[in-house]
Amino acid sequence: MLNYSQCFEIVENRLSALSFERNPVELYQPVKYILSIGGKRIRPCLAIMSHSLFSDTVEPVIEPALGIEIFHNFTLLHDDIMDNAPMRRNSPTVHIKWNQNTAILSGDAMLILAYQLISRTKIDVLPKVFSLFNKTALEVCEGQQLDMNFEKLSDVTVDNYLEMIRLKTAVLIAASLATGGVTANATADDINNLYQFGLNIGIAFQLQDDYLDAFADNHQFGKTIGGDIVANKKTYLVLSALQTADKNLINELKYWISEKKTNTDEKIKAVKSIYERLNIPARTKDLTHKFFSTGLEYLTKVKVADNRKDPIIQLLTQIMEREH
């Protein structure tokens, strides 16, 4: 069973070995750039670690795992365009470093490159891997559209939000784990349990990100606290507050959400105060723990020796305990 560091090294080495020396160079330079500016490689590593639950030979999963990572970075590239984000991983985003048209086209090329890698899956399991990848790719797009829709809607519920993050974030983590099971010829039950495991921990990860954006230690977090509050993003925290507050607090929260002239520090402080009065931080932590624990329950059902699961549990526990 490989640990995260070993999987990370495999992914980095194999990504570096991919050749993008084709013309026109302007199409492929941004692809090389976005793959070179870092990232934890969680999704491809989970695919490899999942495969190695059942097999000590991980070569069959490596190329589909790389395809998943390139697809993930393709979604980030296009998300940055839609969000007009200036930075990604402490580096200029592709549409800032080059231009929007180049970013769109290079993103399209990345999607095709992802499919090329997926297509190199061993032939006996290729139909299952392709079917899972196609389903997941469409769901990620559906999640992104829901996220954009929420920007214009005033009646988004907590359940709406959980469904959006299931599609936008969790399904790709779930598919990564299930892909490893498929390439290792695991049973249908084990593959399903791996998928449900990933789905639940993926939702837990996003809920944790929502919490950390508002309540992480500013020195450890590595970025400005309260970015979601300033941007008026519909996170679990604000939606849960709106769903549980009385009329006066709802009006107060809506005032701060619509307020554009106030100093951002004052806005962040005011909104966080409302969250704390409503016990939203504890509610968020409780729901995050619920999804994470449910995910671990599915992992326990996977029929391999418990000690082979330890590296995955250690990795995910570290992610859940992070402060940045």
C-alpha atoms as a PDB file:
ATOM      1  CA  MET A   1       0.000   0.000   0.000  1.00  0.00           C
ATOM      2  CA  LEU A   2       1.477   3.328  -1.070  1.00  0.00           C
ATOM      3  CA  ASN A   3       1.329   6.404   1.137  1.00  0.00           C
ATOM      4  CA  TYR A   4       0.545   9.944   0.002  1.00  0.00           C
ATOM      5  CA  SER A   5       4.187  11.030  -0.371  1.00  0.00           C
ATOM      6  CA  GLN A   6       4.940   8.082  -2.635  1.00  0.00           C
ATOM      7  CA  CYS A   7       1.848   8.731  -4.744  1.00  0.00           C
ATOM      8  CA  PHE A   8       2.619  12.441  -4.948  1.00  0.00           C
ATOM      9  CA  GLU A   9       6.106  11.678  -6.251  1.00  0.00           C
ATOM     10  CA  ILE A  10       4.688   9.340  -8.896  1.00  0.00           C
ATOM     11  CA  VAL A  11       2.162  11.948 -10.053  1.00  0.00           C
ATOM     12  CA  GLU A  12       4.705  14.771 -10.168  1.00  0.00           C
ATOM     13  CA  ASN A  13       7.220  12.688 -12.102  1.00  0.00           C
ATOM     14  CA  ARG A  14       4.679  11.467 -14.605  1.00  0.00           C
ATOM     15  CA  LEU A  15       3.142  14.901 -15.121  1.00  0.00           C
ATOM     16  CA  SER A  16       6.616  16.321 -15.715  1.00  0.00           C
ATOM     17  CA  ALA A  17       7.255  13.621 -18.301  1.00  0.00           C
ATOM     18  CA  LEU A  18       4.190  14.546 -20.372  1.00  0.00           C
ATOM     19  CA  SER A  19       5.236  16.239 -23.587  1.00  0.00           C
ATOM     20  CA  PHE A  20       3.532  19.453 -24.636  1.00  0.00           C
ATOM     21  CA  GLU A  21       6.137  20.334 -27.249  1.00  0.00           C
ATOM     22  CA  ARG A  22       3.626  20.875 -30.015  1.00  0.00           C
ATOM     23  CA  ASN A  23       2.573  23.784 -32.187  1.00  0.00           C
ATOM     24  CA  PRO A  24       1.226  26.312 -31.773  1.00  0.00           C
ATOM     25  CA  VAL A  25       3.238  26.818 -28.608  1.00  0.00           C
ATOM     26  CA  GLU A  26       0.798  29.505 -27.419  1.00  0.00           C
ATOM     27  CA  LEU A  27      -1.834  26.798 -26.923  1.00  0.00           C
ATOM     28  CA  TYR A  28       0.357  24.516 -24.804  1.00  0.00           C
ATOM     29  CA  GLN A  29       2.384  27.024 -22.753  1.00  0.00           C
ATOM     30  CA  PRO A  30      -0.571  27.766 -20.439  1.00  0.00           C
ATOM     31  CA  VAL A  31      -1.172  24.033 -19.997  1.00  0.00           C
ATOM     32  CA  LYS A  32       2.419  23.482 -18.868  1.00  0.00           C
ATOM     33  CA  TYR A  33       2.171  26.587 -16.679  1.00  0.00           C
ATOM     34  CA  ILE A  34      -0.953  25.647 -14.714  1.00  0.00           C
ATOM     35  CA  LEU A  35       0.365  22.123 -14.138  1.00  0.00           C
ATOM     36  CA  SER A  36       3.697  23.506 -12.903  1.00  0.00           C
ATOM     37  CA  ILE A  37       2.520  26.014 -10.283  1.00  0.00           C
ATOM     38  CA  GLY A  38       1.790  23.457  -7.593  1.00  0.00           C
ATOM     39  CA  GLY A  39      -1.179  21.707  -6.119  1.00  0.00           C
ATOM     40  CA  LYS A  40      -1.569  18.894  -3.618  1.00  0.00           C
ATOM     41  CA  ARG A  41      -2.517  16.341  -6.338  1.00  0.00           C
ATOM     42  CA  ILE A  42      -5.095  14.919  -3.925  1.00  0.00           C
ATOM     43  CA  ARG A  43      -7.366  13.430  -6.617  1.00  0.00           C
ATOM     44  CA  PRO A  44      -4.779  11.445  -8.598  1.00  0.00           C
ATOM     45  CA  CYS A  45      -3.111  10.367  -5.353  1.00  0.00           C
ATOM     46  CA  LEU A  46      -6.433   9.074  -4.033  1.00  0.00           C
ATOM     47  CA  ALA A  47      -6.935   7.135  -7.272  1.00  0.00           C
ATOM     48  CA  ILE A  48      -3.498   5.515  -6.904  1.00  0.00           C
ATOM     49  CA  MET A  49      -3.942   4.869  -3.176  1.00  0.00           C
ATOM     50  CA  SER A  50      -7.357   3.357  -3.819  1.00  0.00           C
ATOM     51  CA  HIS A  51      -5.918   1.039  -6.479  1.00  0.00           C
ATOM     52  CA  SER A  52      -3.107   0.021  -4.144  1.00  0.00           C
ATOM     53  CA  LEU A  53      -5.639  -1.129  -1.562  1.00  0.00           C
ATOM     54  CA  PHE A  54      -6.094  -4.154  -3.801  1.00  0.00           C
ATOM     55  CA  SER A  55      -2.842  -4.414  -5.758  1.00  0.00           C
ATOM     56  CA  ASP A  56       0.847  -3.724  -5.255  1.00  0.00           C
ATOM     57  CA  THR A  57       1.220  -2.904  -8.963  1.00  0.00           C
ATOM     58  CA  VAL A  58      -0.126   0.616  -9.562  1.00  0.00           C
ATOM     59  CA  GLU A  59       0.841   1.164 -13.205  1.00  0.00           C
ATOM     60  CA  PRO A  60      -2.715   0.410 -14.493  1.00  0.00           C
ATOM     61  CA  VAL A  61      -4.162   3.406 -12.598  1.00  0.00           C
ATOM     62  CA  ILE A  62      -1.489   6.020 -13.294  1.00  0.00           C
ATOM     63  CA  GLU A  63      -2.641   7.332 -16.667  1.00  0.00           C
ATOM     64  CA  PRO A  64      -6.333   7.626 -15.714  1.00  0.00           C
ATOM     65  CA  ALA A  65      -5.183   9.297 -12.481  1.00  0.00           C
ATOM     66  CA  LEU A  66      -3.195  11.831 -14.515  1.00  0.00           C
ATOM     67  CA  GLY A  67      -6.262  12.371 -16.688  1.00  0.00           C
ATOM     68  CA  ILE A  68      -8.289  13.185 -13.581  1.00  0.00           C
ATOM     69  CA  GLU A  69      -5.658  15.698 -12.440  1.00  0.00           C
ATOM     70  CA  ILE A  70      -5.546  17.427 -15.820  1.00  0.00           C
ATOM     71  CA  PHE A  71      -9.350  17.553 -15.886  1.00  0.00           C
ATOM     72  CA  HIS A  72      -9.347  19.069 -12.386  1.00  0.00           C
ATOM     73  CA  ASN A  73      -6.895  21.769 -13.470  1.00  0.00           C
ATOM     74  CA  PHE A  74      -8.971  22.425 -16.590  1.00  0.00           C
ATOM     75  CA  THR A  75     -11.966  23.159 -14.351  1.00  0.00           C
ATOM     76  CA  LEU A  76      -9.850  25.508 -12.221  1.00  0.00           C
ATOM     77  CA  LEU A  77      -8.633  27.364 -15.312  1.00  0.00           C
ATOM     78  CA  HIS A  78     -12.173  27.949 -16.571  1.00  0.00           C
ATOM     79  CA  ASP A  79     -13.498  28.720 -13.063  1.00  0.00           C
ATOM     80  CA  ASP A  80     -10.850  31.439 -12.745  1.00  0.00           C
ATOM     81  CA  ILE A  81     -12.125  33.029 -15.946  1.00  0.00           C
ATOM     82  CA  MET A  82     -15.737  32.949 -14.740  1.00  0.00           C
ATOM     83  CA  ASP A  83     -14.754  34.345 -11.327  1.00  0.00           C
ATOM     84  CA  ASN A  84     -12.291  36.835 -12.843  1.00  0.00           C
ATOM     85  CA  ALA A  85      -9.788  35.562 -10.276  1.00  0.00           C
ATOM     86  CA  PRO A  86      -6.351  37.211 -10.474  1.00  0.00           C
ATOM     87  CA  MET A  87      -4.353  34.548  -8.588  1.00  0.00           C
ATOM     88  CA  ARG A  88      -4.202  30.773  -8.346  1.00  0.00           C
ATOM     89  CA  ARG A  89      -1.720  29.034  -5.997  1.00  0.00           C
ATOM     90  CA  ASN A  90       0.033  32.364  -5.386  1.00  0.00           C
ATOM     91  CA  SER A  91       0.643  32.796  -9.143  1.00  0.00           C
ATOM     92  CA  PRO A  92      -1.181  34.838 -11.792  1.00  0.00           C
ATOM     93  CA  THR A  93      -4.100  32.982 -13.330  1.00  0.00           C
ATOM     94  CA  VAL A  94      -3.825  31.967 -16.988  1.00  0.00           C
ATOM     95  CA  HIS A  95      -6.256  34.598 -18.269  1.00  0.00           C
ATOM     96  CA  ILE A  96      -4.243  37.290 -16.462  1.00  0.00           C
ATOM     97  CA  LYS A  97      -0.818  36.027 -17.527  1.00  0.00           C
ATOM     98  CA  TRP A  98      -1.952  35.577 -21.146  1.00  0.00           C
ATOM     99  CA  ASN A  99      -5.525  36.615 -22.023  1.00  0.00           C
ATOM    100  CA  GLN A 100      -9.054  35.287 -21.759  1.00  0.00           C
ATOM    101  CA  ASN A 101      -9.253  33.773 -25.232  1.00  0.00           C
ATOM    102  CA  THR A 102      -5.994  31.890 -24.755  1.00  0.00           C
ATOM    103  CA  ALA A 103      -7.206  30.631 -21.359  1.00  0.00           C
ATOM    104  CA  ILE A 104     -10.462  29.349 -22.828  1.00  0.00           C
ATOM    105  CA  LEU A 105      -8.766  27.526 -25.692  1.00  0.00           C
ATOM    106  CA  SER A 106      -5.976  26.088 -23.549  1.00  0.00           C
ATOM    107  CA  GLY A 107      -8.612  24.859 -21.115  1.00  0.00           C
ATOM    108  CA  ASP A 108     -10.420  23.147 -23.984  1.00  0.00           C
ATOM    109  CA  ALA A 109      -7.129  21.487 -24.972  1.00  0.00           C
ATOM    110  CA  MET A 110      -6.657  20.281 -21.377  1.00  0.00           C
ATOM    111  CA  LEU A 111     -10.051  18.583 -21.455  1.00  0.00           C
ATOM    112  CA  ILE A 112      -9.043  16.722 -24.626  1.00  0.00           C
ATOM    113  CA  LEU A 113      -5.670  15.811 -23.106  1.00  0.00           C
ATOM    114  CA  ALA A 114      -7.508  14.427 -20.068  1.00  0.00           C
ATOM    115  CA  TYR A 115      -9.605  12.204 -22.320  1.00  0.00           C
ATOM    116  CA  GLN A 116      -6.488  11.021 -24.128  1.00  0.00           C
ATOM    117  CA  LEU A 117      -5.001   9.858 -20.839  1.00  0.00           C
ATOM    118  CA  ILE A 118      -8.235   8.256 -19.685  1.00  0.00           C
ATOM    119  CA  SER A 119      -8.427   6.367 -22.997  1.00  0.00           C
ATOM    120  CA  ARG A 120      -5.124   4.637 -22.180  1.00  0.00           C
ATOM    121  CA  THR A 121      -6.766   2.712 -19.347  1.00  0.00           C
ATOM    122  CA  LYS A 122      -6.345  -1.045 -19.786  1.00  0.00           C
ATOM    123  CA  ILE A 123      -8.950  -2.297 -22.218  1.00  0.00           C
ATOM    124  CA  ASP A 124     -10.813  -4.693 -19.903  1.00  0.00           C
ATOM    125  CA  VAL A 125     -11.881  -1.885 -17.532  1.00  0.00           C
ATOM    126  CA  LEU A 126     -11.864   1.053 -19.958  1.00  0.00           C
ATOM    127  CA  PRO A 127     -15.667   1.103 -20.483  1.00  0.00           C
ATOM    128  CA  LYS A 128     -16.281   1.384 -16.718  1.00  0.00           C
ATOM    129  CA  VAL A 129     -13.632   4.086 -16.276  1.00  0.00           C
ATOM    130  CA  PHE A 130     -14.921   6.060 -19.262  1.00  0.00           C
ATOM    131  CA  SER A 131     -18.525   5.818 -18.104  1.00  0.00           C
ATOM    132  CA  LEU A 132     -17.597   7.026 -14.614  1.00  0.00           C
ATOM    133  CA  PHE A 133     -15.432   9.850 -15.963  1.00  0.00           C
ATOM    134  CA  ASN A 134     -18.110  11.064 -18.409  1.00  0.00           C
ATOM    135  CA  LYS A 135     -20.783  11.051 -15.696  1.00  0.00           C
ATOM    136  CA  THR A 136     -18.492  12.924 -13.321  1.00  0.00           C
ATOM    137  CA  ALA A 137     -17.371  15.517 -15.879  1.00  0.00           C
ATOM    138  CA  LEU A 138     -20.973  16.433 -16.641  1.00  0.00           C
ATOM    139  CA  GLU A 139     -21.840  16.607 -12.939  1.00  0.00           C
ATOM    140  CA  VAL A 140     -18.936  18.983 -12.263  1.00  0.00           C
ATOM    141  CA  CYS A 141     -20.273  21.282 -15.001  1.00  0.00           C
ATOM    142  CA  GLU A 142     -23.756  21.051 -13.490  1.00  0.00           C
ATOM    143  CA  GLY A 143     -22.344  22.006 -10.095  1.00  0.00           C
ATOM    144  CA  GLN A 144     -20.531  25.007 -11.547  1.00  0.00           C
ATOM    145  CA  GLN A 145     -23.725  26.191 -13.240  1.00  0.00           C
ATOM    146  CA  LEU A 146     -25.645  25.862  -9.987  1.00  0.00           C
ATOM    147  CA  ASP A 147     -22.941  27.874  -8.236  1.00  0.00           C
ATOM    148  CA  MET A 148     -23.302  30.637 -10.840  1.00  0.00           C
ATOM    149  CA  ASN A 149     -27.098  30.476 -10.572  1.00  0.00           C
ATOM    150  CA  PHE A 150     -26.884  30.976  -6.807  1.00  0.00           C
ATOM    151  CA  GLU A 151     -25.233  34.371  -7.328  1.00  0.00           C
ATOM    152  CA  LYS A 152     -28.551  35.699  -8.667  1.00  0.00           C
ATOM    153  CA  LEU A 153     -30.976  33.833  -6.422  1.00  0.00           C
ATOM    154  CA  SER A 154     -32.217  35.019  -3.038  1.00  0.00           C
ATOM    155  CA  ASP A 155     -33.912  31.804  -1.900  1.00  0.00           C
ATOM    156  CA  VAL A 156     -31.021  29.321  -1.901  1.00  0.00           C
ATOM    157  CA  THR A 157     -31.392  26.762   0.902  1.00  0.00           C
ATOM    158  CA  VAL A 158     -28.807  24.719   2.789  1.00  0.00           C
ATOM    159  CA  ASP A 159     -29.999  21.623   0.920  1.00  0.00           C
ATOM    160  CA  ASN A 160     -29.536  23.440  -2.410  1.00  0.00           C
ATOM    161  CA  TYR A 161     -26.004  24.321  -1.362  1.00  0.00           C
ATOM    162  CA  LEU A 162     -25.123  20.790  -0.273  1.00  0.00           C
ATOM    163  CA  GLU A 163     -26.305  19.476  -3.638  1.00  0.00           C
ATOM    164  CA  MET A 164     -24.203  22.079  -5.441  1.00  0.00           C
ATOM    165  CA  ILE A 165     -21.005  21.180  -3.599  1.00  0.00           C
ATOM    166  CA  ARG A 166     -21.749  17.486  -4.067  1.00  0.00           C
ATOM    167  CA  LEU A 167     -21.661  18.070  -7.815  1.00  0.00           C
ATOM    168  CA  LYS A 168     -18.980  20.736  -8.075  1.00  0.00           C
ATOM    169  CA  THR A 169     -16.480  19.279  -5.624  1.00  0.00           C
ATOM    170  CA  ALA A 170     -17.341  15.898  -4.120  1.00  0.00           C
ATOM    171  CA  VAL A 171     -18.114  13.803  -7.195  1.00  0.00           C
ATOM    172  CA  LEU A 172     -14.589  14.184  -8.597  1.00  0.00           C
ATOM    173  CA  ILE A 173     -13.053  12.995  -5.322  1.00  0.00           C
ATOM    174  CA  ALA A 174     -15.533  10.108  -5.306  1.00  0.00           C
ATOM    175  CA  ALA A 175     -14.732   9.237  -8.913  1.00  0.00           C
ATOM    176  CA  SER A 176     -10.994   9.307  -8.191  1.00  0.00           C
ATOM    177  CA  LEU A 177     -11.361   6.706  -5.459  1.00  0.00           C
ATOM    178  CA  ALA A 178     -13.784   4.579  -7.487  1.00  0.00           C
ATOM    179  CA  THR A 179     -11.464   4.692 -10.514  1.00  0.00           C
ATOM    180  CA  GLY A 180      -8.706   3.136  -8.440  1.00  0.00           C
ATOM    181  CA  GLY A 181     -11.065   0.360  -7.465  1.00  0.00           C
ATOM    182  CA  VAL A 182     -12.097  -0.253 -11.074  1.00  0.00           C
ATOM    183  CA  THR A 183      -8.525  -0.417 -12.384  1.00  0.00           C
ATOM    184  CA  ALA A 184      -7.660  -2.897  -9.629  1.00  0.00           C
ATOM    185  CA  ASN A 185     -10.650  -5.116 -10.568  1.00  0.00           C
ATOM    186  CA  ALA A 186     -12.314  -4.621  -7.187  1.00  0.00           C
ATOM    187  CA  THR A 187     -15.832  -5.920  -6.632  1.00  0.00           C
ATOM    188  CA  ALA A 188     -18.863  -3.763  -7.450  1.00  0.00           C
ATOM    189  CA  ASP A 189     -19.613  -3.416  -3.719  1.00  0.00           C
ATOM    190  CA  ASP A 190     -16.082  -2.230  -2.929  1.00  0.00           C
ATOM    191  CA  ILE A 191     -16.143   0.262  -5.814  1.00  0.00           C
ATOM    192  CA  ASN A 192     -19.482   1.638  -4.636  1.00  0.00           C
ATOM    193  CA  ASN A 193     -18.226   1.922  -1.046  1.00  0.00           C
ATOM    194  CA  LEU A 194     -15.131   3.778  -2.267  1.00  0.00           C
ATOM    195  CA  TYR A 195     -17.342   6.133  -4.258  1.00  0.00           C
ATOM    196  CA  GLN A 196     -19.654   6.845  -1.306  1.00  0.00           C
ATOM    197  CA  PHE A 197     -16.592   7.308   0.899  1.00  0.00           C
ATOM    198  CA  GLY A 198     -15.249   9.959  -1.494  1.00  0.00           C
ATOM    199  CA  LEU A 199     -18.607  11.657  -1.882  1.00  0.00           C
ATOM    200  CA  ASN A 200     -18.996  12.212   1.850  1.00  0.00           C
ATOM    201  CA  ILE A 201     -15.434  13.328   2.517  1.00  0.00           C
ATOM    202  CA  GLY A 202     -15.624  15.669  -0.498  1.00  0.00           C
ATOM    203  CA  ILE A 203     -18.612  17.443   1.027  1.00  0.00           C
ATOM    204  CA  ALA A 204     -16.814  17.533   4.379  1.00  0.00           C
ATOM    205  CA  PHE A 205     -13.781  19.168   2.750  1.00  0.00           C
ATOM    206  CA  GLN A 206     -15.886  21.970   1.248  1.00  0.00           C
ATOM    207  CA  LEU A 207     -17.740  22.609   4.494  1.00  0.00           C
ATOM    208  CA  GLN A 208     -14.392  22.819   6.247  1.00  0.00           C
ATOM    209  CA  ASP A 209     -13.191  25.338   3.648  1.00  0.00           C
ATOM    210  CA  ASP A 210     -16.301  27.426   4.314  1.00  0.00           C
ATOM    211  CA  TYR A 211     -15.509  27.403   8.036  1.00  0.00           C
ATOM    212  CA  LEU A 212     -11.807  28.168   7.606  1.00  0.00           C
ATOM    213  CA  ASP A 213     -12.497  31.117   5.328  1.00  0.00           C
ATOM    214  CA  ALA A 214     -14.248  32.846   8.213  1.00  0.00           C
ATOM    215  CA  PHE A 215     -12.727  31.390  11.374  1.00  0.00           C
ATOM    216  CA  ALA A 216      -9.235  30.064  10.658  1.00  0.00           C
ATOM    217  CA  ASP A 217      -6.227  31.530  12.436  1.00  0.00           C
ATOM    218  CA  ASN A 218      -5.178  34.408  10.196  1.00  0.00           C
ATOM    219  CA  HIS A 219      -1.450  33.684  10.591  1.00  0.00           C
ATOM    220  CA  GLN A 220      -1.785  29.967   9.857  1.00  0.00           C
ATOM    221  CA  PHE A 221      -4.409  30.235   7.115  1.00  0.00           C
ATOM    222  CA  GLY A 222      -2.067  31.842   4.620  1.00  0.00           C
ATOM    223  CA  LYS A 223      -4.654  34.138   3.076  1.00  0.00           C
ATOM    224  CA  THR A 224      -7.039  36.882   4.125  1.00  0.00           C
ATOM    225  CA  ILE A 225      -9.819  35.737   6.415  1.00  0.00           C
ATOM    226  CA  GLY A 226     -13.369  36.585   5.378  1.00  0.00           C
ATOM    227  CA  GLY A 227     -12.990  36.543   1.609  1.00  0.00           C
ATOM    228  CA  ASP A 228     -16.306  34.743   1.188  1.00  0.00           C
ATOM    229  CA  ILE A 229     -18.030  37.323   3.397  1.00  0.00           C
ATOM    230  CA  VAL A 230     -16.634  40.248   1.415  1.00  0.00           C
ATOM    231  CA  ALA A 231     -17.616  38.567  -1.871  1.00  0.00           C
ATOM    232  CA  ASN A 232     -21.118  37.772  -0.505  1.00  0.00           C
ATOM    233  CA  LYS A 233     -20.680  34.127  -1.455  1.00  0.00           C
ATOM    234  CA  LYS A 234     -23.497  31.800  -0.503  1.00  0.00           C
ATOM    235  CA  THR A 235     -21.643  29.387   1.758  1.00  0.00           C
ATOM    236  CA  TYR A 236     -23.045  26.966   4.293  1.00  0.00           C
ATOM    237  CA  LEU A 237     -22.397  29.517   7.041  1.00  0.00           C
ATOM    238  CA  VAL A 238     -24.509  32.326   5.609  1.00  0.00           C
ATOM    239  CA  LEU A 239     -27.276  30.035   4.364  1.00  0.00           C
ATOM    240  CA  SER A 240     -27.489  28.256   7.713  1.00  0.00           C
ATOM    241  CA  ALA A 241     -27.627  31.636   9.458  1.00  0.00           C
ATOM    242  CA  LEU A 242     -30.436  32.868   7.214  1.00  0.00           C
ATOM    243  CA  GLN A 243     -32.318  29.619   7.755  1.00  0.00           C
ATOM    244  CA  THR A 244     -32.118  29.685  11.570  1.00  0.00           C
ATOM    245  CA  ALA A 245     -32.093  33.379  12.561  1.00  0.00           C
ATOM    246  CA  ASP A 246     -35.088  35.348  13.792  1.00  0.00           C
ATOM    247  CA  LYS A 247     -36.466  38.247  11.775  1.00  0.00           C
ATOM    248  CA  ASN A 248     -34.246  40.887  13.379  1.00  0.00           C
ATOM    249  CA  LEU A 249     -31.027  38.954  12.837  1.00  0.00           C
ATOM    250  CA  ILE A 250     -32.049  38.065   9.280  1.00  0.00           C
ATOM    251  CA  ASN A 251     -32.521  41.757   8.547  1.00  0.00           C
ATOM    252  CA  GLU A 252     -29.184  42.573  10.159  1.00  0.00           C
ATOM    253  CA  LEU A 253     -27.393  39.902   8.140  1.00  0.00           C
ATOM    254  CA  LYS A 254     -29.083  40.970   4.911  1.00  0.00           C
ATOM    255  CA  TYR A 255     -28.012  44.554   5.610  1.00  0.00           C
ATOM    256  CA  TRP A 256     -24.367  43.526   5.849  1.00  0.00           C
ATOM    257  CA  ILE A 257     -24.658  41.299   2.788  1.00  0.00           C
ATOM    258  CA  SER A 258     -25.946  44.207   0.709  1.00  0.00           C
ATOM    259  CA  GLU A 259     -23.638  46.830   2.252  1.00  0.00           C
ATOM    260  CA  LYS A 260     -20.928  47.912  -0.178  1.00  0.00           C
ATOM    261  CA  LYS A 261     -19.600  51.141   1.300  1.00  0.00           C
ATOM    262  CA  THR A 262     -18.444  49.799   4.667  1.00  0.00           C
ATOM    263  CA  ASN A 263     -14.818  48.987   5.407  1.00  0.00           C
ATOM    264  CA  THR A 264     -14.305  45.281   4.662  1.00  0.00           C
ATOM    265  CA  ASP A 265     -12.834  44.562   8.111  1.00  0.00           C
ATOM    266  CA  GLU A 266     -15.942  46.018   9.720  1.00  0.00           C
ATOM    267  CA  LYS A 267     -18.198  43.924   7.478  1.00  0.00           C
ATOM    268  CA  ILE A 268     -16.300  40.722   8.254  1.00  0.00           C
ATOM    269  CA  LYS A 269     -16.397  41.426  11.995  1.00  0.00           C
ATOM    270  CA  ALA A 270     -20.139  42.147  11.924  1.00  0.00           C
ATOM    271  CA  VAL A 271     -21.069  39.053   9.931  1.00  0.00           C
ATOM    272  CA  LYS A 272     -18.858  36.783  12.047  1.00  0.00           C
ATOM    273  CA  SER A 273     -20.523  38.207  15.153  1.00  0.00           C
ATOM    274  CA  ILE A 274     -23.913  37.169  13.769  1.00  0.00           C
ATOM    275  CA  TYR A 275     -22.594  33.697  12.994  1.00  0.00           C
ATOM    276  CA  GLU A 276     -21.299  33.339  16.528  1.00  0.00           C
ATOM    277  CA  ARG A 277     -24.569  34.504  18.071  1.00  0.00           C
ATOM    278  CA  LEU A 278     -26.352  31.800  16.068  1.00  0.00           C
ATOM    279  CA  ASN A 279     -23.757  29.141  16.951  1.00  0.00           C
ATOM    280  CA  ILE A 280     -22.983  28.687  13.245  1.00  0.00           C
ATOM    281  CA  PRO A 281     -19.291  27.774  13.761  1.00  0.00           C
ATOM    282  CA  ALA A 282     -20.233  24.800  15.947  1.00  0.00           C
ATOM    283  CA  ARG A 283     -23.054  23.786  13.590  1.00  0.00           C
ATOM    284  CA  THR A 284     -20.632  23.839  10.671  1.00  0.00           C
ATOM    285  CA  LYS A 285     -18.082  21.733  12.513  1.00  0.00           C
ATOM    286  CA  ASP A 286     -20.778  19.246  13.541  1.00  0.00           C
ATOM    287  CA  LEU A 287     -22.054  18.819   9.976  1.00  0.00           C
ATOM    288  CA  THR A 288     -18.497  18.529   8.644  1.00  0.00           C
ATOM    289  CA  HIS A 289     -17.757  15.796  11.189  1.00  0.00           C
ATOM    290  CA  LYS A 290     -21.008  14.026  10.278  1.00  0.00           C
ATOM    291  CA  PHE A 291     -20.100  13.798   6.597  1.00  0.00           C
ATOM    292  CA  PHE A 292     -16.504  12.817   7.351  1.00  0.00           C
ATOM    293  CA  SER A 293     -17.581  10.099   9.780  1.00  0.00           C
ATOM    294  CA  THR A 294     -20.145   8.777   7.313  1.00  0.00           C
ATOM    295  CA  GLY A 295     -17.403   8.610   4.697  1.00  0.00           C
ATOM    296  CA  LEU A 296     -15.157   6.595   7.006  1.00  0.00           C
ATOM    297  CA  GLU A 297     -18.010   4.172   7.650  1.00  0.00           C
ATOM    298  CA  TYR A 298     -18.118   3.395   3.931  1.00  0.00           C
ATOM    299  CA  LEU A 299     -14.348   2.880   3.900  1.00  0.00           C
ATOM    300  CA  THR A 300     -14.630   0.319   6.702  1.00  0.00           C
ATOM    301  CA  LYS A 301     -16.936  -1.729   4.430  1.00  0.00           C
ATOM    302  CA  VAL A 302     -14.230  -2.096   1.763  1.00  0.00           C
ATOM    303  CA  LYS A 303     -13.100  -5.708   2.005  1.00  0.00           C
ATOM    304  CA  VAL A 304      -9.336  -5.388   2.404  1.00  0.00           C
ATOM    305  CA  ALA A 305      -7.159  -5.578   5.496  1.00  0.00           C
ATOM    306  CA  ASP A 306      -7.576  -2.543   7.747  1.00  0.00           C
ATOM    307  CA  ASN A 307      -3.855  -1.769   7.768  1.00  0.00           C
ATOM    308  CA  ARG A 308      -3.967  -1.234   3.991  1.00  0.00           C
ATOM    309  CA  LYS A 309      -6.466   1.584   4.557  1.00  0.00           C
ATOM    310  CA  ASP A 310      -4.236   3.420   7.042  1.00  0.00           C
ATOM    311  CA  PRO A 311      -2.391   5.659   4.511  1.00  0.00           C
ATOM    312  CA  ILE A 312      -5.702   6.958   3.088  1.00  0.00           C
ATOM    313  CA  ILE A 313      -7.112   7.602   6.560  1.00  0.00           C
ATOM    314  CA  GLN A 314      -3.904   9.378   7.619  1.00  0.00           C
ATOM    315  CA  LEU A 315      -3.968  11.626   4.549  1.00  0.00           C
ATOM    316  CA  LEU A 316      -7.617  12.578   4.926  1.00  0.00           C
ATOM    317  CA  THR A 317      -7.279  13.153   8.659  1.00  0.00           C
ATOM    318  CA  GLN A 318      -4.379  15.544   7.978  1.00  0.00           C
ATOM    319  CA  ILE A 319      -6.520  17.415   5.463  1.00  0.00           C
ATOM    320  CA  MET A 320      -9.375  17.691   7.947  1.00  0.00           C
ATOM    321  CA  GLU A 321      -7.038  18.978  10.663  1.00  0.00           C
ATOM    322  CA  ARG A 322      -5.407  21.606   8.468  1.00  0.00           C
ATOM    323  CA  GLU A 323      -5.630  25.306   9.217  1.00  0.00           C
ATOM    324  CA  HIS A 324      -4.803  26.541   5.708  1.00  0.00           C
END
